[in-house]
Amino acid sequence: MEIAIFTFNDFSENTYIIHDASNDCAIFDPGCNNDEERKTLTDYIESKGLNPTHLINTHCHIDHILGNRFVADKYGLKLASHRGEVIVLEMGSNVGAMYGIPYDPSPEMEIFYKDGDTVKVGNTNLEVLFTPGHSPASISFYCADAGILIGGDVLFQGSIGRTDLPGGDFATLEESIRNKLYTLPDDTVVFCGHGPSTTIGVEKQTNPFVKPA
């Protein structure tokens, strides 16, 4: 499996494309919101000969959904996330206006994932982990075979997702990290919503915000 990382928009948000030998691919949290960023995304897909099959939001804060409409329209994809993020998605236009960010409103969510679901992208299986706390119903995606986690804004290198936005709660986030993420193998690579990747083992040892139980 290959993972391509793109850092987009004024929030330096990480957008991910995962794909394998099947050439099917999933696009996670498309944050592209100008022509240059959109071209960067499509150029990669075209250069690799990929077939986009999934449009997925780990959660629906504005920086992770700015490119939803573009990707959905370009590739004919339905938006997938957790049902509990619908209320956050619906706030997108108001939040975009508050920040003065150009925002083409996202399509409605049509596919709903829950904890324990398996998402198949080509030959790759991703397990859905329910990891709220940064947002009301954030989900993470774990591939045991590849040893990787796409975690959104739950856990960062040396940090955690902020919990002062609507629907955020530190105790809930702490429980998600301890019970869902810190139970994964130490060598699991965490691809974060912002900043560099890290590993579960490193964060268990050094993260100052959440220690293992």
N, C-alpha and C. Protein backbone atom coordinates (compact mmCIF):
# COMPACT_ATOMS: atom_id res chain seq x y z
N MET A 1 0.83 -1.20 0.00
CA MET A 1 0.00 0.00 0.00
C MET A 1 0.87 1.25 0.00
N GLU A 2 0.47 2.25 -0.74
CA GLU A 2 1.17 3.52 -0.77
C GLU A 2 0.28 4.61 -0.17
N ILE A 3 0.91 5.57 0.48
CA ILE A 3 0.19 6.72 1.05
C ILE A 3 0.84 7.98 0.51
N ALA A 4 0.04 8.82 -0.11
CA ALA A 4 0.51 10.14 -0.56
C ALA A 4 -0.04 11.19 0.39
N ILE A 5 0.81 12.14 0.75
CA ILE A 5 0.46 13.18 1.71
C ILE A 5 0.52 14.54 1.02
N PHE A 6 -0.52 15.33 1.20
CA PHE A 6 -0.58 16.68 0.65
C PHE A 6 -0.97 17.63 1.77
N THR A 7 -0.23 18.70 1.93
CA THR A 7 -0.55 19.69 2.96
C THR A 7 -1.20 20.89 2.29
N PHE A 8 -2.47 21.11 2.66
CA PHE A 8 -3.29 22.09 1.96
C PHE A 8 -3.84 23.15 2.90
N ASN A 9 -4.27 24.23 2.32
CA ASN A 9 -5.01 25.36 2.90
C ASN A 9 -4.26 26.09 4.01
N ASP A 10 -4.88 27.15 4.49
CA ASP A 10 -4.22 28.02 5.47
C ASP A 10 -4.03 27.36 6.82
N PHE A 11 -4.67 26.22 7.04
CA PHE A 11 -4.53 25.49 8.31
C PHE A 11 -3.45 24.41 8.24
N SER A 12 -2.75 24.32 7.11
CA SER A 12 -1.73 23.28 6.91
C SER A 12 -2.28 21.90 7.26
N GLU A 13 -3.40 21.60 6.64
CA GLU A 13 -4.09 20.32 6.88
C GLU A 13 -3.53 19.24 5.95
N ASN A 14 -3.40 18.03 6.49
CA ASN A 14 -2.88 16.91 5.70
C ASN A 14 -4.03 16.14 5.05
N THR A 15 -3.98 16.09 3.73
CA THR A 15 -4.89 15.27 2.93
C THR A 15 -4.13 14.01 2.53
N TYR A 16 -4.81 12.86 2.59
CA TYR A 16 -4.14 11.59 2.27
C TYR A 16 -4.85 10.88 1.13
N ILE A 17 -4.05 10.27 0.27
CA ILE A 17 -4.55 9.31 -0.72
C ILE A 17 -3.86 7.98 -0.46
N ILE A 18 -4.66 6.93 -0.26
CA ILE A 18 -4.07 5.60 -0.11
C ILE A 18 -4.47 4.76 -1.31
N HIS A 19 -3.53 3.92 -1.76
CA HIS A 19 -3.82 3.05 -2.90
C HIS A 19 -2.89 1.84 -2.85
N ASP A 20 -3.28 0.81 -3.58
CA ASP A 20 -2.47 -0.40 -3.65
C ASP A 20 -2.36 -0.85 -5.10
N ALA A 21 -1.95 -2.10 -5.32
CA ALA A 21 -1.71 -2.59 -6.67
C ALA A 21 -2.96 -2.61 -7.53
N SER A 22 -4.13 -2.56 -6.90
CA SER A 22 -5.39 -2.54 -7.66
C SER A 22 -5.60 -1.22 -8.39
N ASN A 23 -4.89 -0.16 -7.92
CA ASN A 23 -5.02 1.21 -8.41
C ASN A 23 -6.30 1.90 -7.96
N ASP A 24 -7.16 1.20 -7.21
CA ASP A 24 -8.25 1.91 -6.53
C ASP A 24 -7.65 2.76 -5.42
N CYS A 25 -8.28 3.89 -5.13
CA CYS A 25 -7.73 4.74 -4.08
C CYS A 25 -8.84 5.40 -3.27
N ALA A 26 -8.49 5.75 -2.04
CA ALA A 26 -9.37 6.51 -1.16
C ALA A 26 -8.73 7.86 -0.89
N ILE A 27 -9.55 8.89 -0.90
CA ILE A 27 -9.10 10.25 -0.60
C ILE A 27 -9.66 10.63 0.76
N PHE A 28 -8.77 10.90 1.70
CA PHE A 28 -9.16 11.24 3.06
C PHE A 28 -8.98 12.74 3.30
N ASP A 29 -10.03 13.37 3.80
CA ASP A 29 -9.98 14.76 4.26
C ASP A 29 -9.41 15.72 3.23
N PRO A 30 -10.04 15.81 2.07
CA PRO A 30 -9.51 16.72 1.04
C PRO A 30 -9.64 18.18 1.48
N GLY A 31 -8.50 18.80 1.73
CA GLY A 31 -8.51 20.18 2.20
C GLY A 31 -8.21 21.19 1.12
N CYS A 32 -8.10 20.73 -0.12
CA CYS A 32 -7.73 21.62 -1.22
C CYS A 32 -8.82 22.66 -1.47
N ASN A 33 -8.44 23.93 -1.50
CA ASN A 33 -9.47 24.97 -1.70
C ASN A 33 -9.03 26.09 -2.63
N ASN A 34 -8.05 25.79 -3.50
CA ASN A 34 -7.76 26.72 -4.58
C ASN A 34 -7.32 25.90 -5.79
N ASP A 35 -7.20 26.56 -6.94
CA ASP A 35 -6.91 25.84 -8.18
C ASP A 35 -5.59 25.10 -8.12
N GLU A 36 -4.57 25.72 -7.52
CA GLU A 36 -3.26 25.08 -7.45
C GLU A 36 -3.31 23.80 -6.62
N GLU A 37 -3.99 23.86 -5.49
CA GLU A 37 -4.09 22.68 -4.63
C GLU A 37 -4.92 21.58 -5.30
N ARG A 38 -5.99 21.98 -5.94
CA ARG A 38 -6.81 20.99 -6.63
C ARG A 38 -6.03 20.30 -7.76
N LYS A 39 -5.21 21.08 -8.45
CA LYS A 39 -4.40 20.51 -9.53
C LYS A 39 -3.35 19.56 -8.97
N THR A 40 -2.78 19.90 -7.84
CA THR A 40 -1.80 19.02 -7.20
C THR A 40 -2.41 17.66 -6.91
N LEU A 41 -3.63 17.67 -6.40
CA LEU A 41 -4.32 16.42 -6.08
C LEU A 41 -4.63 15.62 -7.34
N THR A 42 -5.22 16.27 -8.32
CA THR A 42 -5.61 15.54 -9.53
C THR A 42 -4.40 15.09 -10.35
N ASP A 43 -3.34 15.89 -10.35
CA ASP A 43 -2.14 15.49 -11.08
C ASP A 43 -1.56 14.20 -10.51
N TYR A 44 -1.58 14.08 -9.19
CA TYR A 44 -1.06 12.86 -8.58
C TYR A 44 -1.91 11.66 -8.98
N ILE A 45 -3.21 11.81 -8.89
CA ILE A 45 -4.12 10.72 -9.23
C ILE A 45 -3.93 10.29 -10.68
N GLU A 46 -3.80 11.27 -11.58
CA GLU A 46 -3.63 10.96 -12.99
C GLU A 46 -2.26 10.35 -13.27
N SER A 47 -1.23 10.85 -12.60
CA SER A 47 0.13 10.35 -12.85
C SER A 47 0.28 8.90 -12.42
N LYS A 48 -0.48 8.50 -11.42
CA LYS A 48 -0.42 7.12 -10.92
C LYS A 48 -1.46 6.22 -11.58
N GLY A 49 -2.32 6.79 -12.41
CA GLY A 49 -3.36 6.00 -13.05
C GLY A 49 -4.36 5.44 -12.06
N LEU A 50 -4.71 6.23 -11.04
CA LEU A 50 -5.57 5.75 -9.96
C LEU A 50 -7.05 5.91 -10.29
N ASN A 51 -7.83 5.09 -9.63
CA ASN A 51 -9.29 5.12 -9.75
C ASN A 51 -9.88 5.46 -8.38
N PRO A 52 -10.25 6.72 -8.14
CA PRO A 52 -10.80 7.08 -6.84
C PRO A 52 -12.14 6.38 -6.58
N THR A 53 -12.22 5.67 -5.46
CA THR A 53 -13.43 4.92 -5.12
C THR A 53 -14.06 5.37 -3.81
N HIS A 54 -13.32 6.12 -2.98
CA HIS A 54 -13.82 6.53 -1.68
C HIS A 54 -13.46 7.99 -1.40
N LEU A 55 -14.41 8.73 -0.86
CA LEU A 55 -14.20 10.08 -0.33
C LEU A 55 -14.58 10.03 1.14
N ILE A 56 -13.59 10.20 2.02
CA ILE A 56 -13.79 9.96 3.44
C ILE A 56 -13.33 11.15 4.27
N ASN A 57 -14.15 11.56 5.21
CA ASN A 57 -13.74 12.53 6.23
C ASN A 57 -13.54 11.81 7.55
N THR A 58 -12.36 11.99 8.15
CA THR A 58 -12.17 11.48 9.51
C THR A 58 -13.08 12.23 10.47
N HIS A 59 -13.24 13.52 10.21
CA HIS A 59 -14.18 14.39 10.93
C HIS A 59 -14.44 15.58 10.02
N CYS A 60 -15.34 16.44 10.41
CA CYS A 60 -15.85 17.44 9.46
C CYS A 60 -15.56 18.88 9.84
N HIS A 61 -14.46 19.13 10.54
CA HIS A 61 -14.05 20.52 10.73
C HIS A 61 -13.67 21.13 9.39
N ILE A 62 -13.78 22.44 9.30
CA ILE A 62 -13.71 23.15 8.03
C ILE A 62 -12.44 22.85 7.24
N ASP A 63 -11.29 22.73 7.93
CA ASP A 63 -10.04 22.53 7.21
C ASP A 63 -9.95 21.16 6.54
N HIS A 64 -10.78 20.22 6.96
CA HIS A 64 -10.76 18.86 6.41
C HIS A 64 -11.82 18.64 5.34
N ILE A 65 -12.67 19.62 5.09
CA ILE A 65 -13.78 19.42 4.16
C ILE A 65 -13.79 20.42 3.00
N LEU A 66 -12.79 21.28 2.94
CA LEU A 66 -12.80 22.34 1.93
C LEU A 66 -12.82 21.81 0.51
N GLY A 67 -12.27 20.62 0.30
CA GLY A 67 -12.25 20.05 -1.04
C GLY A 67 -13.29 18.97 -1.29
N ASN A 68 -14.21 18.78 -0.35
CA ASN A 68 -15.21 17.72 -0.51
C ASN A 68 -16.01 17.86 -1.80
N ARG A 69 -16.51 19.06 -2.05
CA ARG A 69 -17.35 19.27 -3.22
C ARG A 69 -16.57 19.00 -4.51
N PHE A 70 -15.35 19.52 -4.57
CA PHE A 70 -14.53 19.31 -5.76
C PHE A 70 -14.29 17.83 -6.03
N VAL A 71 -13.87 17.10 -5.01
CA VAL A 71 -13.56 15.68 -5.17
C VAL A 71 -14.82 14.89 -5.52
N ALA A 72 -15.92 15.19 -4.83
CA ALA A 72 -17.17 14.47 -5.10
C ALA A 72 -17.62 14.68 -6.55
N ASP A 73 -17.55 15.92 -7.01
CA ASP A 73 -17.99 16.22 -8.37
C ASP A 73 -17.02 15.68 -9.42
N LYS A 74 -15.73 15.81 -9.15
CA LYS A 74 -14.70 15.40 -10.12
C LYS A 74 -14.74 13.89 -10.36
N TYR A 75 -14.93 13.12 -9.28
CA TYR A 75 -14.81 11.67 -9.40
C TYR A 75 -16.13 10.93 -9.15
N GLY A 76 -17.22 11.66 -8.99
CA GLY A 76 -18.51 11.02 -8.81
C GLY A 76 -18.61 10.19 -7.55
N LEU A 77 -18.06 10.70 -6.45
CA LEU A 77 -18.01 9.94 -5.20
C LEU A 77 -19.03 10.45 -4.18
N LYS A 78 -19.50 9.54 -3.35
CA LYS A 78 -20.36 9.88 -2.23
C LYS A 78 -19.51 10.08 -0.98
N LEU A 79 -19.89 11.06 -0.17
CA LEU A 79 -19.12 11.36 1.03
C LEU A 79 -19.43 10.37 2.14
N ALA A 80 -18.37 9.90 2.80
CA ALA A 80 -18.50 8.95 3.90
C ALA A 80 -17.84 9.51 5.16
N SER A 81 -18.48 9.30 6.30
CA SER A 81 -17.91 9.63 7.60
C SER A 81 -18.81 8.99 8.65
N HIS A 82 -18.72 9.46 9.88
CA HIS A 82 -19.59 8.97 10.95
C HIS A 82 -20.83 9.85 11.02
N ARG A 83 -21.97 9.23 11.28
CA ARG A 83 -23.22 9.97 11.32
C ARG A 83 -23.17 11.13 12.33
N GLY A 84 -22.43 10.96 13.40
CA GLY A 84 -22.34 11.99 14.41
C GLY A 84 -21.62 13.24 13.96
N GLU A 85 -20.99 13.21 12.79
CA GLU A 85 -20.31 14.38 12.25
C GLU A 85 -21.20 15.22 11.33
N VAL A 86 -22.42 14.76 11.08
CA VAL A 86 -23.32 15.50 10.18
C VAL A 86 -23.53 16.92 10.67
N ILE A 87 -23.73 17.09 11.97
CA ILE A 87 -23.99 18.42 12.53
C ILE A 87 -22.78 19.34 12.32
N VAL A 88 -21.58 18.78 12.37
CA VAL A 88 -20.37 19.57 12.14
C VAL A 88 -20.27 19.94 10.66
N LEU A 89 -20.56 18.99 9.80
CA LEU A 89 -20.53 19.25 8.36
C LEU A 89 -21.50 20.37 7.99
N GLU A 90 -22.67 20.36 8.59
CA GLU A 90 -23.69 21.36 8.27
C GLU A 90 -23.29 22.76 8.72
N MET A 91 -22.33 22.87 9.63
CA MET A 91 -21.84 24.17 10.11
C MET A 91 -20.78 24.76 9.18
N GLY A 92 -20.40 24.01 8.15
CA GLY A 92 -19.27 24.40 7.32
C GLY A 92 -19.37 25.78 6.71
N SER A 93 -20.51 26.11 6.16
CA SER A 93 -20.66 27.43 5.52
C SER A 93 -20.50 28.56 6.51
N ASN A 94 -21.08 28.42 7.69
CA ASN A 94 -20.97 29.45 8.71
C ASN A 94 -19.53 29.59 9.20
N VAL A 95 -18.86 28.45 9.39
CA VAL A 95 -17.48 28.50 9.87
C VAL A 95 -16.57 29.09 8.79
N GLY A 96 -16.79 28.69 7.54
CA GLY A 96 -16.00 29.26 6.46
C GLY A 96 -16.15 30.76 6.38
N ALA A 97 -17.37 31.26 6.53
CA ALA A 97 -17.62 32.70 6.51
C ALA A 97 -16.94 33.38 7.68
N MET A 98 -16.96 32.73 8.85
CA MET A 98 -16.34 33.31 10.04
C MET A 98 -14.84 33.50 9.85
N TYR A 99 -14.20 32.54 9.18
CA TYR A 99 -12.76 32.62 8.95
C TYR A 99 -12.43 33.37 7.66
N GLY A 100 -13.43 33.72 6.87
CA GLY A 100 -13.19 34.38 5.60
C GLY A 100 -12.53 33.47 4.58
N ILE A 101 -12.90 32.19 4.61
CA ILE A 101 -12.30 31.19 3.72
C ILE A 101 -13.28 30.87 2.60
N PRO A 102 -12.83 30.91 1.35
CA PRO A 102 -13.71 30.47 0.26
C PRO A 102 -14.09 29.00 0.46
N TYR A 103 -15.38 28.70 0.40
CA TYR A 103 -15.85 27.35 0.69
C TYR A 103 -17.02 27.00 -0.20
N ASP A 104 -16.82 26.04 -1.07
CA ASP A 104 -17.89 25.51 -1.90
C ASP A 104 -18.56 24.43 -1.06
N PRO A 105 -19.78 24.63 -0.58
CA PRO A 105 -20.37 23.74 0.41
C PRO A 105 -20.29 22.26 0.04
N SER A 106 -19.92 21.48 1.03
CA SER A 106 -19.76 20.04 0.85
C SER A 106 -21.07 19.38 0.46
N PRO A 107 -21.00 18.31 -0.30
CA PRO A 107 -22.21 17.49 -0.47
C PRO A 107 -22.61 16.87 0.86
N GLU A 108 -23.84 16.45 0.96
CA GLU A 108 -24.30 15.79 2.17
C GLU A 108 -23.60 14.45 2.33
N MET A 109 -23.50 14.02 3.58
CA MET A 109 -22.96 12.70 3.87
C MET A 109 -23.98 11.64 3.45
N GLU A 110 -23.51 10.64 2.72
CA GLU A 110 -24.41 9.59 2.26
C GLU A 110 -24.01 8.20 2.75
N ILE A 111 -22.77 8.05 3.16
CA ILE A 111 -22.28 6.76 3.65
C ILE A 111 -21.85 6.96 5.10
N PHE A 112 -22.32 6.09 5.97
CA PHE A 112 -22.10 6.27 7.40
C PHE A 112 -21.31 5.08 7.96
N TYR A 113 -20.12 5.38 8.51
CA TYR A 113 -19.30 4.35 9.12
C TYR A 113 -19.50 4.36 10.63
N LYS A 114 -19.29 3.20 11.23
CA LYS A 114 -19.35 3.10 12.68
C LYS A 114 -18.18 2.26 13.17
N ASP A 115 -17.95 2.28 14.46
CA ASP A 115 -16.85 1.55 15.08
C ASP A 115 -16.90 0.08 14.69
N GLY A 116 -15.77 -0.45 14.26
CA GLY A 116 -15.70 -1.86 13.91
C GLY A 116 -15.96 -2.19 12.46
N ASP A 117 -16.45 -1.22 11.69
CA ASP A 117 -16.66 -1.46 10.26
C ASP A 117 -15.33 -1.71 9.55
N THR A 118 -15.40 -2.42 8.45
CA THR A 118 -14.25 -2.60 7.57
C THR A 118 -14.51 -1.88 6.26
N VAL A 119 -13.58 -1.03 5.88
CA VAL A 119 -13.65 -0.32 4.61
C VAL A 119 -12.63 -0.94 3.67
N LYS A 120 -13.09 -1.41 2.54
CA LYS A 120 -12.20 -2.07 1.58
C LYS A 120 -11.87 -1.11 0.45
N VAL A 121 -10.60 -0.83 0.29
CA VAL A 121 -10.11 0.03 -0.79
C VAL A 121 -9.20 -0.83 -1.65
N GLY A 122 -9.67 -1.25 -2.80
CA GLY A 122 -8.91 -2.19 -3.60
C GLY A 122 -8.73 -3.48 -2.83
N ASN A 123 -7.46 -3.86 -2.61
CA ASN A 123 -7.15 -5.07 -1.85
C ASN A 123 -6.84 -4.78 -0.39
N THR A 124 -7.04 -3.55 0.03
CA THR A 124 -6.66 -3.10 1.37
C THR A 124 -7.87 -2.99 2.27
N ASN A 125 -7.76 -3.56 3.46
CA ASN A 125 -8.83 -3.48 4.46
C ASN A 125 -8.46 -2.49 5.55
N LEU A 126 -9.37 -1.57 5.84
CA LEU A 126 -9.19 -0.58 6.89
C LEU A 126 -10.26 -0.80 7.95
N GLU A 127 -9.85 -0.87 9.21
CA GLU A 127 -10.81 -1.00 10.31
C GLU A 127 -11.16 0.39 10.82
N VAL A 128 -12.44 0.64 10.99
CA VAL A 128 -12.90 1.92 11.50
C VAL A 128 -12.87 1.90 13.03
N LEU A 129 -12.21 2.90 13.61
CA LEU A 129 -12.14 3.08 15.05
C LEU A 129 -12.87 4.37 15.42
N PHE A 130 -13.80 4.28 16.35
CA PHE A 130 -14.53 5.46 16.81
C PHE A 130 -13.67 6.18 17.84
N THR A 131 -13.23 7.40 17.51
CA THR A 131 -12.27 8.12 18.34
C THR A 131 -12.71 9.56 18.58
N PRO A 132 -13.84 9.77 19.24
CA PRO A 132 -14.32 11.14 19.47
C PRO A 132 -13.49 11.87 20.52
N GLY A 133 -13.79 13.15 20.65
CA GLY A 133 -13.14 13.98 21.67
C GLY A 133 -12.64 15.28 21.08
N HIS A 134 -11.94 15.21 19.95
CA HIS A 134 -11.58 16.44 19.24
C HIS A 134 -12.82 16.99 18.55
N SER A 135 -13.61 16.10 18.02
CA SER A 135 -14.91 16.42 17.42
C SER A 135 -15.90 15.39 17.93
N PRO A 136 -17.20 15.60 17.70
CA PRO A 136 -18.20 14.73 18.33
C PRO A 136 -18.09 13.26 17.95
N ALA A 137 -17.65 12.97 16.71
CA ALA A 137 -17.69 11.58 16.26
C ALA A 137 -16.56 11.28 15.28
N SER A 138 -15.37 11.77 15.60
CA SER A 138 -14.22 11.51 14.75
C SER A 138 -13.96 10.01 14.64
N ILE A 139 -13.52 9.58 13.46
CA ILE A 139 -13.16 8.19 13.25
C ILE A 139 -11.74 8.11 12.70
N SER A 140 -11.07 7.02 13.08
CA SER A 140 -9.73 6.74 12.59
C SER A 140 -9.77 5.45 11.80
N PHE A 141 -8.75 5.24 10.95
CA PHE A 141 -8.76 4.09 10.04
C PHE A 141 -7.44 3.34 10.18
N TYR A 142 -7.55 2.07 10.62
CA TYR A 142 -6.38 1.26 10.93
C TYR A 142 -6.22 0.13 9.93
N CYS A 143 -5.04 0.03 9.35
CA CYS A 143 -4.71 -1.08 8.47
C CYS A 143 -3.67 -1.94 9.17
N ALA A 144 -4.10 -3.08 9.67
CA ALA A 144 -3.20 -3.96 10.41
C ALA A 144 -2.09 -4.51 9.51
N ASP A 145 -2.43 -4.86 8.27
CA ASP A 145 -1.44 -5.44 7.37
C ASP A 145 -0.30 -4.48 7.08
N ALA A 146 -0.63 -3.20 6.92
CA ALA A 146 0.39 -2.20 6.60
C ALA A 146 0.97 -1.54 7.85
N GLY A 147 0.31 -1.72 8.99
CA GLY A 147 0.78 -1.10 10.23
C GLY A 147 0.64 0.40 10.24
N ILE A 148 -0.49 0.89 9.71
CA ILE A 148 -0.67 2.34 9.64
C ILE A 148 -2.05 2.72 10.18
N LEU A 149 -2.13 3.96 10.65
CA LEU A 149 -3.39 4.54 11.12
C LEU A 149 -3.55 5.92 10.52
N ILE A 150 -4.69 6.17 9.90
CA ILE A 150 -5.05 7.52 9.49
C ILE A 150 -5.95 8.06 10.58
N GLY A 151 -5.41 9.00 11.37
CA GLY A 151 -6.05 9.36 12.64
C GLY A 151 -6.70 10.71 12.71
N GLY A 152 -6.74 11.47 11.61
CA GLY A 152 -7.33 12.80 11.70
C GLY A 152 -6.62 13.64 12.76
N ASP A 153 -7.40 14.36 13.55
CA ASP A 153 -6.83 15.27 14.54
C ASP A 153 -6.90 14.72 15.95
N VAL A 154 -6.89 13.41 16.10
CA VAL A 154 -6.97 12.80 17.43
C VAL A 154 -5.64 12.89 18.15
N LEU A 155 -4.59 12.40 17.48
CA LEU A 155 -3.26 12.31 18.09
C LEU A 155 -2.24 12.89 17.13
N PHE A 156 -1.36 13.75 17.66
CA PHE A 156 -0.29 14.34 16.87
C PHE A 156 1.06 13.95 17.45
N GLN A 157 2.11 14.25 16.71
CA GLN A 157 3.45 14.06 17.24
C GLN A 157 3.64 15.01 18.43
N GLY A 158 3.70 14.45 19.61
CA GLY A 158 3.90 15.23 20.82
C GLY A 158 2.71 16.06 21.25
N SER A 159 1.55 15.79 20.70
CA SER A 159 0.39 16.61 21.03
C SER A 159 -0.89 15.81 20.78
N ILE A 160 -2.02 16.49 20.97
CA ILE A 160 -3.34 15.90 20.74
C ILE A 160 -4.23 16.96 20.09
N GLY A 161 -5.37 16.52 19.59
CA GLY A 161 -6.31 17.46 19.00
C GLY A 161 -6.88 18.40 20.04
N ARG A 162 -7.16 19.62 19.65
CA ARG A 162 -7.76 20.59 20.56
C ARG A 162 -9.17 20.14 20.92
N THR A 163 -9.60 20.53 22.10
CA THR A 163 -10.92 20.09 22.57
C THR A 163 -11.82 21.26 22.94
N ASP A 164 -11.46 22.48 22.50
CA ASP A 164 -12.24 23.66 22.85
C ASP A 164 -13.22 24.07 21.76
N LEU A 165 -13.33 23.28 20.70
CA LEU A 165 -14.32 23.56 19.66
C LEU A 165 -15.63 22.86 20.00
N PRO A 166 -16.75 23.29 19.42
CA PRO A 166 -18.04 22.67 19.73
C PRO A 166 -17.99 21.15 19.54
N GLY A 167 -18.44 20.43 20.56
CA GLY A 167 -18.43 18.99 20.50
C GLY A 167 -17.15 18.35 20.99
N GLY A 168 -16.15 19.16 21.33
CA GLY A 168 -14.89 18.63 21.83
C GLY A 168 -14.96 18.39 23.33
N ASP A 169 -14.19 17.43 23.80
CA ASP A 169 -14.16 17.12 25.24
C ASP A 169 -12.86 16.38 25.54
N PHE A 170 -12.07 16.91 26.48
CA PHE A 170 -10.76 16.33 26.74
C PHE A 170 -10.86 14.92 27.30
N ALA A 171 -11.76 14.70 28.26
CA ALA A 171 -11.88 13.37 28.85
C ALA A 171 -12.25 12.32 27.80
N THR A 172 -13.12 12.71 26.88
CA THR A 172 -13.50 11.79 25.80
C THR A 172 -12.33 11.51 24.88
N LEU A 173 -11.58 12.55 24.54
CA LEU A 173 -10.41 12.37 23.68
C LEU A 173 -9.36 11.49 24.36
N GLU A 174 -9.14 11.74 25.63
CA GLU A 174 -8.19 10.94 26.40
C GLU A 174 -8.58 9.47 26.38
N GLU A 175 -9.85 9.19 26.56
CA GLU A 175 -10.33 7.80 26.53
C GLU A 175 -10.14 7.19 25.15
N SER A 176 -10.42 7.97 24.10
CA SER A 176 -10.23 7.47 22.74
C SER A 176 -8.78 7.08 22.49
N ILE A 177 -7.87 7.95 22.90
CA ILE A 177 -6.44 7.69 22.67
C ILE A 177 -5.98 6.47 23.46
N ARG A 178 -6.35 6.42 24.72
CA ARG A 178 -5.90 5.30 25.57
C ARG A 178 -6.51 3.96 25.15
N ASN A 179 -7.80 3.96 24.86
CA ASN A 179 -8.50 2.69 24.64
C ASN A 179 -8.53 2.24 23.19
N LYS A 180 -8.38 3.17 22.25
CA LYS A 180 -8.44 2.81 20.83
C LYS A 180 -7.08 2.86 20.14
N LEU A 181 -6.27 3.87 20.49
CA LEU A 181 -5.01 4.05 19.78
C LEU A 181 -3.83 3.43 20.51
N TYR A 182 -3.71 3.67 21.80
CA TYR A 182 -2.57 3.13 22.55
C TYR A 182 -2.62 1.61 22.69
N THR A 183 -3.71 0.99 22.31
CA THR A 183 -3.79 -0.47 22.31
C THR A 183 -3.30 -1.07 20.99
N LEU A 184 -3.01 -0.25 20.01
CA LEU A 184 -2.46 -0.73 18.75
C LEU A 184 -0.97 -1.05 18.92
N PRO A 185 -0.40 -1.86 18.03
CA PRO A 185 1.03 -2.17 18.13
C PRO A 185 1.89 -0.91 18.15
N ASP A 186 2.98 -0.96 18.92
CA ASP A 186 3.83 0.22 19.10
C ASP A 186 4.41 0.73 17.79
N ASP A 187 4.61 -0.18 16.82
CA ASP A 187 5.22 0.27 15.56
C ASP A 187 4.21 0.80 14.55
N THR A 188 2.95 0.92 14.96
CA THR A 188 1.94 1.50 14.07
C THR A 188 2.28 2.95 13.75
N VAL A 189 2.35 3.27 12.48
CA VAL A 189 2.64 4.64 12.05
C VAL A 189 1.34 5.43 12.00
N VAL A 190 1.32 6.56 12.69
CA VAL A 190 0.13 7.41 12.76
C VAL A 190 0.28 8.56 11.78
N PHE A 191 -0.60 8.60 10.80
CA PHE A 191 -0.63 9.70 9.85
C PHE A 191 -1.66 10.71 10.36
N CYS A 192 -1.16 11.87 10.76
CA CYS A 192 -1.94 12.85 11.51
C CYS A 192 -2.59 13.88 10.58
N GLY A 193 -3.60 14.54 11.09
CA GLY A 193 -4.31 15.56 10.33
C GLY A 193 -3.52 16.83 10.11
N HIS A 194 -2.48 17.03 10.92
CA HIS A 194 -1.58 18.17 10.78
C HIS A 194 -0.19 17.71 11.22
N GLY A 195 0.83 18.26 10.62
CA GLY A 195 2.18 17.97 11.07
C GLY A 195 2.68 16.60 10.62
N PRO A 196 3.86 16.22 11.14
CA PRO A 196 4.49 14.97 10.71
C PRO A 196 3.83 13.74 11.31
N SER A 197 4.13 12.60 10.71
CA SER A 197 3.64 11.34 11.26
C SER A 197 4.44 10.98 12.51
N THR A 198 3.91 10.00 13.24
CA THR A 198 4.57 9.53 14.46
C THR A 198 4.26 8.05 14.60
N THR A 199 4.59 7.46 15.72
CA THR A 199 4.21 6.07 15.98
C THR A 199 3.51 5.97 17.33
N ILE A 200 2.73 4.93 17.47
CA ILE A 200 2.04 4.70 18.73
C ILE A 200 3.04 4.54 19.87
N GLY A 201 4.11 3.81 19.63
CA GLY A 201 5.09 3.59 20.68
C GLY A 201 5.74 4.87 21.17
N VAL A 202 6.10 5.74 20.22
CA VAL A 202 6.72 7.02 20.60
C VAL A 202 5.75 7.86 21.42
N GLU A 203 4.50 7.92 21.01
CA GLU A 203 3.54 8.75 21.74
C GLU A 203 3.23 8.19 23.12
N LYS A 204 3.17 6.88 23.25
CA LYS A 204 2.95 6.28 24.57
C LYS A 204 4.07 6.66 25.53
N GLN A 205 5.28 6.77 24.99
CA GLN A 205 6.43 7.06 25.84
C GLN A 205 6.61 8.54 26.11
N THR A 206 6.27 9.39 25.14
CA THR A 206 6.68 10.79 25.23
C THR A 206 5.56 11.82 25.18
N ASN A 207 4.36 11.42 24.79
CA ASN A 207 3.30 12.44 24.65
C ASN A 207 2.97 13.03 26.02
N PRO A 208 3.06 14.35 26.16
CA PRO A 208 2.85 14.96 27.48
C PRO A 208 1.39 15.11 27.89
N PHE A 209 0.48 14.88 26.96
CA PHE A 209 -0.94 15.15 27.23
C PHE A 209 -1.72 13.90 27.63
N VAL A 210 -1.39 12.78 27.05
CA VAL A 210 -2.11 11.54 27.37
C VAL A 210 -1.07 10.43 27.57
N LYS A 211 -1.05 9.89 28.77
CA LYS A 211 -0.17 8.76 29.10
C LYS A 211 -0.98 7.48 29.04
N PRO A 212 -0.32 6.35 28.80
CA PRO A 212 -1.05 5.08 28.83
C PRO A 212 -1.69 4.85 30.20
N ALA A 213 -2.78 4.13 30.21
CA ALA A 213 -3.47 3.84 31.49
C ALA A 213 -2.58 3.00 32.38
